[in-house]
Amino acid sequence: MPAPAASPDVLAGVVMFTDIVGFTEFTAIRGDGEALELLGVQESIVQSCLPGGSRLIKELGDGLLLWFDDACAAVETALLLQERFELHSADSMLPLWVRIGMHWGRPTPRRGDIVGHDVNVAARIVDVAGPGEVVLSEPTVAALERQPAAVAFEELGPVLMKGIPDPVRLYRASR
């Protein structure tokens, strides 16, 4: 079954979700103060890495919803973020293990937010990623206008995800 059609004035782009792995347990063990500090670190790193044509849409608990108008910039930014998160974790008592999922599509804008099937797919993809991983859909790979520098894509195969009627072919990006 095909995805519902988006209105023609919606621009195509990459919907990206980040999710801090183990955040609930971290909060239970370390407390709300350190959890809030960790959220601030994540947001600061993300804001410092966002290229033009992208934006932080909103915070979602321990995750972020981002938008990119360029698939290559999205992949490169996701891998840069993972490098920065890893550097932070190595130099800090606040481990920042993040997973990232992304999907190319045409979400529907709604009061500064984006909604729709493509946002739902991206939200399910982030659940497939492990700590430190970047997982993206086949439409994201197809939208790449050039091969990102020194990036390899490992096919994970078609994956069934909750609430998504058809399997989605996924890839893990790495340097």
N, C-alpha and C. Protein backbone atom coordinates (compact mmCIF):
# COMPACT_ATOMS: atom_id res chain seq x y z
N MET A 1 0.85 -1.17 0.00
CA MET A 1 0.00 0.00 0.00
C MET A 1 0.90 1.24 0.00
N PRO A 2 0.72 2.16 -0.95
CA PRO A 2 1.56 3.36 -1.01
C PRO A 2 1.23 4.32 0.12
N ALA A 3 2.23 5.16 0.44
CA ALA A 3 2.04 6.18 1.47
C ALA A 3 1.06 7.22 0.96
N PRO A 4 0.29 7.85 1.87
CA PRO A 4 -0.62 8.90 1.45
C PRO A 4 0.15 10.04 0.79
N ALA A 5 -0.44 10.63 -0.22
CA ALA A 5 0.21 11.74 -0.93
C ALA A 5 0.26 12.99 -0.06
N ALA A 6 1.40 13.68 -0.12
CA ALA A 6 1.55 14.95 0.61
C ALA A 6 1.08 16.08 -0.30
N SER A 7 0.77 17.21 0.30
CA SER A 7 0.36 18.35 -0.51
C SER A 7 1.53 18.77 -1.38
N PRO A 8 1.28 19.28 -2.60
CA PRO A 8 2.35 19.57 -3.53
C PRO A 8 3.29 20.69 -3.07
N ASP A 9 2.89 21.53 -2.12
CA ASP A 9 3.75 22.62 -1.68
C ASP A 9 4.76 22.20 -0.61
N VAL A 10 4.72 20.94 -0.20
CA VAL A 10 5.65 20.43 0.80
C VAL A 10 6.93 20.00 0.09
N LEU A 11 8.07 20.50 0.56
CA LEU A 11 9.34 20.16 -0.05
C LEU A 11 9.84 18.83 0.48
N ALA A 12 10.47 18.09 -0.40
CA ALA A 12 11.06 16.83 0.02
C ALA A 12 12.33 17.09 0.82
N GLY A 13 12.63 16.19 1.73
CA GLY A 13 13.83 16.31 2.54
C GLY A 13 13.97 15.14 3.49
N VAL A 14 14.97 15.22 4.33
CA VAL A 14 15.25 14.14 5.27
C VAL A 14 14.69 14.49 6.65
N VAL A 15 13.92 13.57 7.19
CA VAL A 15 13.44 13.64 8.56
C VAL A 15 14.40 12.79 9.37
N MET A 16 14.99 13.38 10.41
CA MET A 16 15.96 12.67 11.24
C MET A 16 15.52 12.71 12.70
N PHE A 17 15.65 11.57 13.35
CA PHE A 17 15.42 11.49 14.79
C PHE A 17 16.71 11.06 15.47
N THR A 18 16.98 11.67 16.64
CA THR A 18 18.03 11.18 17.52
C THR A 18 17.32 10.62 18.76
N ASP A 19 17.99 9.70 19.43
CA ASP A 19 17.44 9.11 20.65
C ASP A 19 18.61 8.71 21.55
N ILE A 20 18.61 9.19 22.78
CA ILE A 20 19.66 8.82 23.73
C ILE A 20 19.35 7.42 24.26
N VAL A 21 20.29 6.51 24.04
CA VAL A 21 20.12 5.12 24.44
C VAL A 21 20.28 5.01 25.96
N GLY A 22 19.35 4.33 26.61
CA GLY A 22 19.44 4.08 28.05
C GLY A 22 19.11 5.29 28.91
N PHE A 23 18.41 6.28 28.34
CA PHE A 23 18.15 7.52 29.07
C PHE A 23 17.27 7.31 30.31
N THR A 24 16.29 6.45 30.22
CA THR A 24 15.41 6.20 31.37
C THR A 24 16.20 5.62 32.54
N GLU A 25 17.05 4.65 32.26
CA GLU A 25 17.87 4.05 33.31
C GLU A 25 18.89 5.07 33.84
N PHE A 26 19.48 5.84 32.92
CA PHE A 26 20.44 6.88 33.32
C PHE A 26 19.78 7.84 34.31
N THR A 27 18.56 8.27 33.99
CA THR A 27 17.83 9.20 34.86
C THR A 27 17.54 8.57 36.21
N ALA A 28 17.13 7.30 36.21
CA ALA A 28 16.83 6.61 37.47
C ALA A 28 18.06 6.50 38.35
N ILE A 29 19.21 6.23 37.76
CA ILE A 29 20.44 6.03 38.53
C ILE A 29 21.11 7.35 38.89
N ARG A 30 21.18 8.27 37.93
CA ARG A 30 21.98 9.49 38.12
C ARG A 30 21.15 10.69 38.54
N GLY A 31 19.83 10.62 38.36
CA GLY A 31 18.97 11.72 38.79
C GLY A 31 18.62 12.70 37.69
N ASP A 32 17.59 13.49 37.97
CA ASP A 32 17.07 14.44 36.98
C ASP A 32 18.07 15.52 36.61
N GLY A 33 18.85 15.97 37.57
CA GLY A 33 19.82 17.04 37.29
C GLY A 33 20.82 16.64 36.22
N GLU A 34 21.42 15.46 36.39
CA GLU A 34 22.38 14.99 35.39
C GLU A 34 21.70 14.65 34.07
N ALA A 35 20.46 14.17 34.15
CA ALA A 35 19.71 13.88 32.92
C ALA A 35 19.47 15.16 32.13
N LEU A 36 19.09 16.22 32.83
CA LEU A 36 18.89 17.51 32.15
C LEU A 36 20.19 18.03 31.55
N GLU A 37 21.28 17.83 32.26
CA GLU A 37 22.59 18.24 31.75
C GLU A 37 22.93 17.47 30.47
N LEU A 38 22.64 16.17 30.46
CA LEU A 38 22.90 15.34 29.28
C LEU A 38 22.06 15.80 28.09
N LEU A 39 20.80 16.14 28.34
CA LEU A 39 19.95 16.67 27.27
C LEU A 39 20.53 17.96 26.69
N GLY A 40 21.02 18.82 27.57
CA GLY A 40 21.63 20.07 27.13
C GLY A 40 22.87 19.84 26.29
N VAL A 41 23.67 18.85 26.67
CA VAL A 41 24.88 18.53 25.89
C VAL A 41 24.48 18.05 24.50
N GLN A 42 23.49 17.14 24.44
CA GLN A 42 23.03 16.64 23.13
C GLN A 42 22.59 17.81 22.25
N GLU A 43 21.74 18.67 22.78
CA GLU A 43 21.22 19.77 21.98
C GLU A 43 22.34 20.72 21.54
N SER A 44 23.28 20.99 22.42
CA SER A 44 24.39 21.88 22.09
C SER A 44 25.24 21.31 20.96
N ILE A 45 25.56 20.02 21.04
CA ILE A 45 26.35 19.38 19.99
C ILE A 45 25.58 19.41 18.67
N VAL A 46 24.30 19.09 18.71
CA VAL A 46 23.49 19.08 17.49
C VAL A 46 23.44 20.48 16.88
N GLN A 47 23.14 21.48 17.70
CA GLN A 47 23.05 22.85 17.18
C GLN A 47 24.36 23.29 16.53
N SER A 48 25.49 22.89 17.10
CA SER A 48 26.79 23.30 16.57
C SER A 48 27.13 22.63 15.25
N CYS A 49 26.47 21.53 14.93
CA CYS A 49 26.78 20.77 13.72
C CYS A 49 25.79 20.98 12.57
N LEU A 50 24.67 21.66 12.82
CA LEU A 50 23.64 21.78 11.78
C LEU A 50 24.10 22.67 10.64
N PRO A 51 24.05 22.15 9.41
CA PRO A 51 24.40 22.97 8.25
C PRO A 51 23.21 23.82 7.79
N GLY A 52 23.46 24.74 6.87
CA GLY A 52 22.35 25.48 6.27
C GLY A 52 21.39 24.51 5.60
N GLY A 53 20.13 24.87 5.54
CA GLY A 53 19.13 23.99 4.95
C GLY A 53 18.65 22.91 5.90
N SER A 54 18.99 23.06 7.18
CA SER A 54 18.52 22.11 8.17
C SER A 54 18.04 22.88 9.39
N ARG A 55 17.26 22.19 10.22
CA ARG A 55 16.83 22.84 11.46
C ARG A 55 16.36 21.81 12.46
N LEU A 56 16.49 22.22 13.72
CA LEU A 56 15.96 21.43 14.82
C LEU A 56 14.48 21.78 14.91
N ILE A 57 13.62 20.80 14.68
CA ILE A 57 12.17 21.02 14.71
C ILE A 57 11.68 21.06 16.15
N LYS A 58 12.05 20.03 16.94
CA LYS A 58 11.60 20.01 18.33
C LYS A 58 12.33 18.95 19.13
N GLU A 59 12.24 19.11 20.46
CA GLU A 59 12.73 18.11 21.40
C GLU A 59 11.60 17.14 21.69
N LEU A 60 11.96 15.88 21.84
CA LEU A 60 10.98 14.83 22.15
C LEU A 60 11.52 14.00 23.31
N GLY A 61 11.38 14.51 24.50
CA GLY A 61 11.94 13.81 25.65
C GLY A 61 13.44 13.78 25.54
N ASP A 62 14.01 12.58 25.32
CA ASP A 62 15.47 12.45 25.19
C ASP A 62 15.92 12.41 23.74
N GLY A 63 15.04 12.74 22.83
CA GLY A 63 15.39 12.75 21.42
C GLY A 63 15.09 14.09 20.77
N LEU A 64 15.56 14.20 19.54
CA LEU A 64 15.34 15.41 18.76
C LEU A 64 14.78 15.03 17.40
N LEU A 65 13.95 15.91 16.85
CA LEU A 65 13.43 15.79 15.49
C LEU A 65 14.08 16.89 14.67
N LEU A 66 14.77 16.49 13.60
CA LEU A 66 15.48 17.45 12.75
C LEU A 66 15.00 17.32 11.30
N TRP A 67 15.25 18.37 10.53
CA TRP A 67 14.87 18.42 9.12
C TRP A 67 16.08 18.87 8.30
N PHE A 68 16.32 18.22 7.18
CA PHE A 68 17.39 18.57 6.25
C PHE A 68 16.82 18.63 4.84
N ASP A 69 17.20 19.65 4.09
CA ASP A 69 16.73 19.71 2.71
C ASP A 69 17.65 18.95 1.75
N ASP A 70 18.78 18.46 2.26
CA ASP A 70 19.76 17.77 1.42
C ASP A 70 20.14 16.45 2.09
N ALA A 71 19.97 15.34 1.36
CA ALA A 71 20.24 14.02 1.93
C ALA A 71 21.71 13.83 2.26
N CYS A 72 22.59 14.30 1.40
CA CYS A 72 24.03 14.16 1.65
C CYS A 72 24.42 14.91 2.92
N ALA A 73 23.93 16.12 3.07
CA ALA A 73 24.22 16.90 4.29
C ALA A 73 23.68 16.19 5.52
N ALA A 74 22.53 15.54 5.40
CA ALA A 74 21.95 14.82 6.54
C ALA A 74 22.84 13.65 6.95
N VAL A 75 23.30 12.87 5.99
CA VAL A 75 24.15 11.72 6.29
C VAL A 75 25.47 12.18 6.90
N GLU A 76 26.09 13.17 6.28
CA GLU A 76 27.36 13.68 6.80
C GLU A 76 27.21 14.26 8.20
N THR A 77 26.10 14.97 8.44
CA THR A 77 25.85 15.55 9.76
C THR A 77 25.62 14.44 10.79
N ALA A 78 24.86 13.42 10.44
CA ALA A 78 24.60 12.32 11.37
C ALA A 78 25.89 11.64 11.79
N LEU A 79 26.78 11.40 10.85
CA LEU A 79 28.06 10.76 11.17
C LEU A 79 28.95 11.69 11.99
N LEU A 80 28.93 12.97 11.67
CA LEU A 80 29.68 13.95 12.48
C LEU A 80 29.14 13.99 13.91
N LEU A 81 27.82 13.97 14.03
CA LEU A 81 27.21 13.96 15.37
C LEU A 81 27.68 12.75 16.16
N GLN A 82 27.69 11.59 15.54
CA GLN A 82 28.12 10.39 16.26
C GLN A 82 29.58 10.52 16.70
N GLU A 83 30.42 11.12 15.85
CA GLU A 83 31.82 11.34 16.24
C GLU A 83 31.90 12.29 17.45
N ARG A 84 31.11 13.36 17.43
CA ARG A 84 31.12 14.32 18.53
C ARG A 84 30.55 13.72 19.81
N PHE A 85 29.49 12.92 19.68
CA PHE A 85 28.92 12.26 20.86
C PHE A 85 29.95 11.31 21.47
N GLU A 86 30.67 10.58 20.62
CA GLU A 86 31.68 9.64 21.10
C GLU A 86 32.82 10.38 21.80
N LEU A 87 33.27 11.49 21.22
CA LEU A 87 34.32 12.30 21.85
C LEU A 87 33.87 12.81 23.21
N HIS A 88 32.63 13.30 23.26
CA HIS A 88 32.10 13.78 24.54
C HIS A 88 32.09 12.66 25.58
N SER A 89 31.62 11.49 25.18
CA SER A 89 31.51 10.36 26.11
C SER A 89 32.88 9.93 26.62
N ALA A 90 33.89 10.00 25.77
CA ALA A 90 35.24 9.60 26.18
C ALA A 90 35.86 10.58 27.17
N ASP A 91 35.46 11.84 27.08
CA ASP A 91 36.06 12.88 27.92
C ASP A 91 35.17 13.33 29.08
N SER A 92 34.08 12.61 29.35
CA SER A 92 33.11 13.10 30.32
C SER A 92 32.59 11.97 31.21
N MET A 93 32.03 12.36 32.32
CA MET A 93 31.36 11.41 33.19
C MET A 93 29.88 11.27 32.80
N LEU A 94 29.48 11.99 31.74
CA LEU A 94 28.12 11.90 31.23
C LEU A 94 28.15 11.19 29.89
N PRO A 95 27.96 9.86 29.86
CA PRO A 95 28.02 9.14 28.58
C PRO A 95 26.84 9.54 27.68
N LEU A 96 27.15 9.83 26.43
CA LEU A 96 26.12 10.25 25.48
C LEU A 96 26.09 9.25 24.33
N TRP A 97 25.31 8.20 24.51
CA TRP A 97 25.15 7.18 23.48
C TRP A 97 23.85 7.45 22.76
N VAL A 98 23.97 7.76 21.50
CA VAL A 98 22.81 8.20 20.71
C VAL A 98 22.68 7.32 19.49
N ARG A 99 21.44 7.04 19.13
CA ARG A 99 21.16 6.37 17.87
C ARG A 99 20.44 7.37 16.98
N ILE A 100 20.63 7.21 15.67
CA ILE A 100 20.05 8.16 14.71
C ILE A 100 19.36 7.38 13.60
N GLY A 101 18.15 7.80 13.26
CA GLY A 101 17.41 7.22 12.15
C GLY A 101 16.91 8.32 11.24
N MET A 102 16.89 8.02 9.93
CA MET A 102 16.43 9.05 9.00
C MET A 102 15.72 8.44 7.79
N HIS A 103 14.83 9.28 7.24
CA HIS A 103 14.03 8.86 6.10
C HIS A 103 13.76 10.07 5.21
N TRP A 104 13.94 9.88 3.91
CA TRP A 104 13.65 10.91 2.92
C TRP A 104 12.16 10.86 2.58
N GLY A 105 11.52 12.01 2.60
CA GLY A 105 10.10 12.02 2.25
C GLY A 105 9.56 13.43 2.15
N ARG A 106 8.25 13.53 2.22
CA ARG A 106 7.54 14.81 2.10
C ARG A 106 6.56 14.96 3.27
N PRO A 107 7.08 15.27 4.45
CA PRO A 107 6.18 15.43 5.59
C PRO A 107 5.31 16.67 5.44
N THR A 108 4.25 16.70 6.18
CA THR A 108 3.32 17.82 6.14
C THR A 108 3.63 18.80 7.25
N PRO A 109 3.83 20.09 6.91
CA PRO A 109 4.08 21.07 7.96
C PRO A 109 2.81 21.35 8.76
N ARG A 110 3.00 21.57 10.07
CA ARG A 110 1.86 21.88 10.94
C ARG A 110 2.36 22.75 12.10
N ARG A 111 2.07 24.04 12.06
CA ARG A 111 2.43 24.98 13.14
C ARG A 111 3.88 24.85 13.61
N GLY A 112 4.82 24.92 12.68
CA GLY A 112 6.22 24.83 13.03
C GLY A 112 6.73 23.42 13.23
N ASP A 113 5.87 22.45 13.11
CA ASP A 113 6.20 21.05 13.29
C ASP A 113 6.09 20.37 11.93
N ILE A 114 6.44 19.11 11.85
CA ILE A 114 6.18 18.30 10.67
C ILE A 114 5.52 17.01 11.14
N VAL A 115 4.57 16.53 10.35
CA VAL A 115 3.81 15.33 10.71
C VAL A 115 3.61 14.50 9.44
N GLY A 116 3.09 13.31 9.63
CA GLY A 116 2.72 12.47 8.50
C GLY A 116 3.48 11.15 8.45
N HIS A 117 3.16 10.40 7.41
CA HIS A 117 3.72 9.06 7.23
C HIS A 117 5.24 9.05 7.25
N ASP A 118 5.87 9.99 6.55
CA ASP A 118 7.33 10.00 6.46
C ASP A 118 7.98 10.28 7.81
N VAL A 119 7.35 11.07 8.64
CA VAL A 119 7.84 11.30 10.00
C VAL A 119 7.70 10.01 10.81
N ASN A 120 6.59 9.33 10.64
CA ASN A 120 6.37 8.07 11.36
C ASN A 120 7.41 7.02 10.96
N VAL A 121 7.74 6.95 9.67
CA VAL A 121 8.75 5.99 9.21
C VAL A 121 10.11 6.31 9.85
N ALA A 122 10.50 7.58 9.83
CA ALA A 122 11.78 7.98 10.45
C ALA A 122 11.80 7.63 11.93
N ALA A 123 10.68 7.83 12.62
CA ALA A 123 10.60 7.51 14.04
C ALA A 123 10.79 6.02 14.30
N ARG A 124 10.31 5.19 13.40
CA ARG A 124 10.48 3.73 13.55
C ARG A 124 11.90 3.31 13.20
N ILE A 125 12.53 4.01 12.25
CA ILE A 125 13.90 3.67 11.86
C ILE A 125 14.86 3.90 13.01
N VAL A 126 14.68 4.99 13.76
CA VAL A 126 15.61 5.24 14.88
C VAL A 126 15.54 4.10 15.90
N ASP A 127 14.40 3.45 16.02
CA ASP A 127 14.28 2.32 16.94
C ASP A 127 15.11 1.11 16.51
N VAL A 128 15.43 1.02 15.22
CA VAL A 128 16.22 -0.09 14.69
C VAL A 128 17.71 0.13 14.98
N ALA A 129 18.13 1.37 15.04
CA ALA A 129 19.55 1.70 15.22
C ALA A 129 20.02 1.34 16.63
N GLY A 130 21.28 0.94 16.72
CA GLY A 130 21.90 0.67 18.00
C GLY A 130 22.68 1.89 18.47
N PRO A 131 23.26 1.83 19.66
CA PRO A 131 24.05 2.95 20.17
C PRO A 131 25.17 3.32 19.19
N GLY A 132 25.26 4.60 18.86
CA GLY A 132 26.30 5.08 17.96
C GLY A 132 26.05 4.83 16.49
N GLU A 133 24.91 4.27 16.16
CA GLU A 133 24.62 3.94 14.76
C GLU A 133 23.79 5.01 14.06
N VAL A 134 23.96 5.05 12.74
CA VAL A 134 23.15 5.87 11.86
C VAL A 134 22.48 4.91 10.88
N VAL A 135 21.15 4.85 10.91
CA VAL A 135 20.39 3.96 10.03
C VAL A 135 19.47 4.83 9.17
N LEU A 136 19.44 4.52 7.88
CA LEU A 136 18.64 5.31 6.96
C LEU A 136 17.89 4.41 6.00
N SER A 137 16.83 4.96 5.45
CA SER A 137 15.97 4.22 4.53
C SER A 137 16.52 4.25 3.11
N GLU A 138 16.06 3.32 2.31
CA GLU A 138 16.45 3.28 0.89
C GLU A 138 16.10 4.59 0.17
N PRO A 139 14.93 5.21 0.43
CA PRO A 139 14.67 6.50 -0.22
C PRO A 139 15.71 7.57 0.13
N THR A 140 16.29 7.50 1.33
CA THR A 140 17.34 8.46 1.70
C THR A 140 18.58 8.21 0.87
N VAL A 141 18.98 6.95 0.73
CA VAL A 141 20.14 6.61 -0.10
C VAL A 141 19.89 7.04 -1.54
N ALA A 142 18.69 6.79 -2.05
CA ALA A 142 18.36 7.16 -3.43
C ALA A 142 18.38 8.67 -3.64
N ALA A 143 18.13 9.45 -2.60
CA ALA A 143 18.09 10.91 -2.71
C ALA A 143 19.48 11.55 -2.68
N LEU A 144 20.51 10.76 -2.43
CA LEU A 144 21.87 11.31 -2.39
C LEU A 144 22.28 11.77 -3.79
N GLU A 145 22.58 13.04 -3.93
CA GLU A 145 23.00 13.57 -5.22
C GLU A 145 24.47 13.28 -5.48
N ARG A 146 25.22 12.96 -4.43
CA ARG A 146 26.62 12.58 -4.54
C ARG A 146 26.91 11.62 -3.40
N GLN A 147 27.97 10.87 -3.54
CA GLN A 147 28.38 9.95 -2.48
C GLN A 147 29.06 10.77 -1.38
N PRO A 148 28.55 10.74 -0.16
CA PRO A 148 29.24 11.45 0.93
C PRO A 148 30.67 10.93 1.10
N ALA A 149 31.59 11.81 1.42
CA ALA A 149 33.00 11.47 1.53
C ALA A 149 33.25 10.36 2.55
N ALA A 150 33.95 9.33 2.11
CA ALA A 150 34.39 8.23 2.97
C ALA A 150 33.26 7.57 3.77
N VAL A 151 32.07 7.48 3.18
CA VAL A 151 30.94 6.85 3.86
C VAL A 151 30.60 5.53 3.18
N ALA A 152 30.43 4.50 3.98
CA ALA A 152 30.03 3.19 3.48
C ALA A 152 28.60 2.92 3.94
N PHE A 153 27.86 2.21 3.10
CA PHE A 153 26.49 1.83 3.43
C PHE A 153 26.38 0.32 3.46
N GLU A 154 25.93 -0.20 4.60
CA GLU A 154 25.73 -1.63 4.76
C GLU A 154 24.23 -1.90 4.74
N GLU A 155 23.79 -2.73 3.80
CA GLU A 155 22.36 -3.02 3.70
C GLU A 155 21.94 -3.93 4.85
N LEU A 156 20.88 -3.54 5.52
CA LEU A 156 20.32 -4.33 6.61
C LEU A 156 19.15 -5.17 6.14
N GLY A 157 18.68 -4.89 4.91
CA GLY A 157 17.58 -5.63 4.33
C GLY A 157 16.25 -4.95 4.59
N PRO A 158 15.19 -5.55 4.05
CA PRO A 158 13.86 -5.02 4.34
C PRO A 158 13.49 -5.35 5.78
N VAL A 159 13.00 -4.34 6.49
CA VAL A 159 12.68 -4.50 7.91
C VAL A 159 11.22 -4.15 8.13
N LEU A 160 10.51 -5.03 8.82
CA LEU A 160 9.14 -4.75 9.23
C LEU A 160 9.19 -3.89 10.50
N MET A 161 8.41 -2.82 10.50
CA MET A 161 8.38 -1.93 11.66
C MET A 161 6.93 -1.69 12.07
N LYS A 162 6.73 -1.58 13.36
CA LYS A 162 5.40 -1.40 13.94
C LYS A 162 4.66 -0.25 13.26
N GLY A 163 3.45 -0.54 12.80
CA GLY A 163 2.57 0.47 12.24
C GLY A 163 2.87 0.86 10.80
N ILE A 164 3.94 0.33 10.22
CA ILE A 164 4.30 0.63 8.83
C ILE A 164 3.90 -0.60 8.01
N PRO A 165 2.94 -0.44 7.08
CA PRO A 165 2.37 -1.61 6.40
C PRO A 165 3.35 -2.47 5.61
N ASP A 166 4.34 -1.85 4.97
CA ASP A 166 5.28 -2.60 4.14
C ASP A 166 6.68 -2.55 4.74
N PRO A 167 7.48 -3.60 4.50
CA PRO A 167 8.86 -3.56 4.96
C PRO A 167 9.61 -2.38 4.33
N VAL A 168 10.57 -1.83 5.06
CA VAL A 168 11.38 -0.72 4.57
C VAL A 168 12.82 -1.21 4.47
N ARG A 169 13.42 -1.04 3.30
CA ARG A 169 14.82 -1.44 3.12
C ARG A 169 15.70 -0.40 3.82
N LEU A 170 16.54 -0.90 4.74
CA LEU A 170 17.36 -0.02 5.56
C LEU A 170 18.84 -0.25 5.32
N TYR A 171 19.62 0.80 5.64
CA TYR A 171 21.08 0.78 5.50
C TYR A 171 21.70 1.39 6.74
N ARG A 172 22.87 0.89 7.10
CA ARG A 172 23.66 1.50 8.19
C ARG A 172 24.79 2.27 7.51
N ALA A 173 24.94 3.54 7.88
CA ALA A 173 26.01 4.38 7.34
C ALA A 173 27.16 4.41 8.33
N SER A 174 28.38 4.36 7.81
CA SER A 174 29.56 4.43 8.68
C SER A 174 30.73 5.00 7.89
N ARG A 175 31.75 5.45 8.64
CA ARG A 175 33.01 5.93 8.03
C ARG A 175 34.08 4.89 8.25
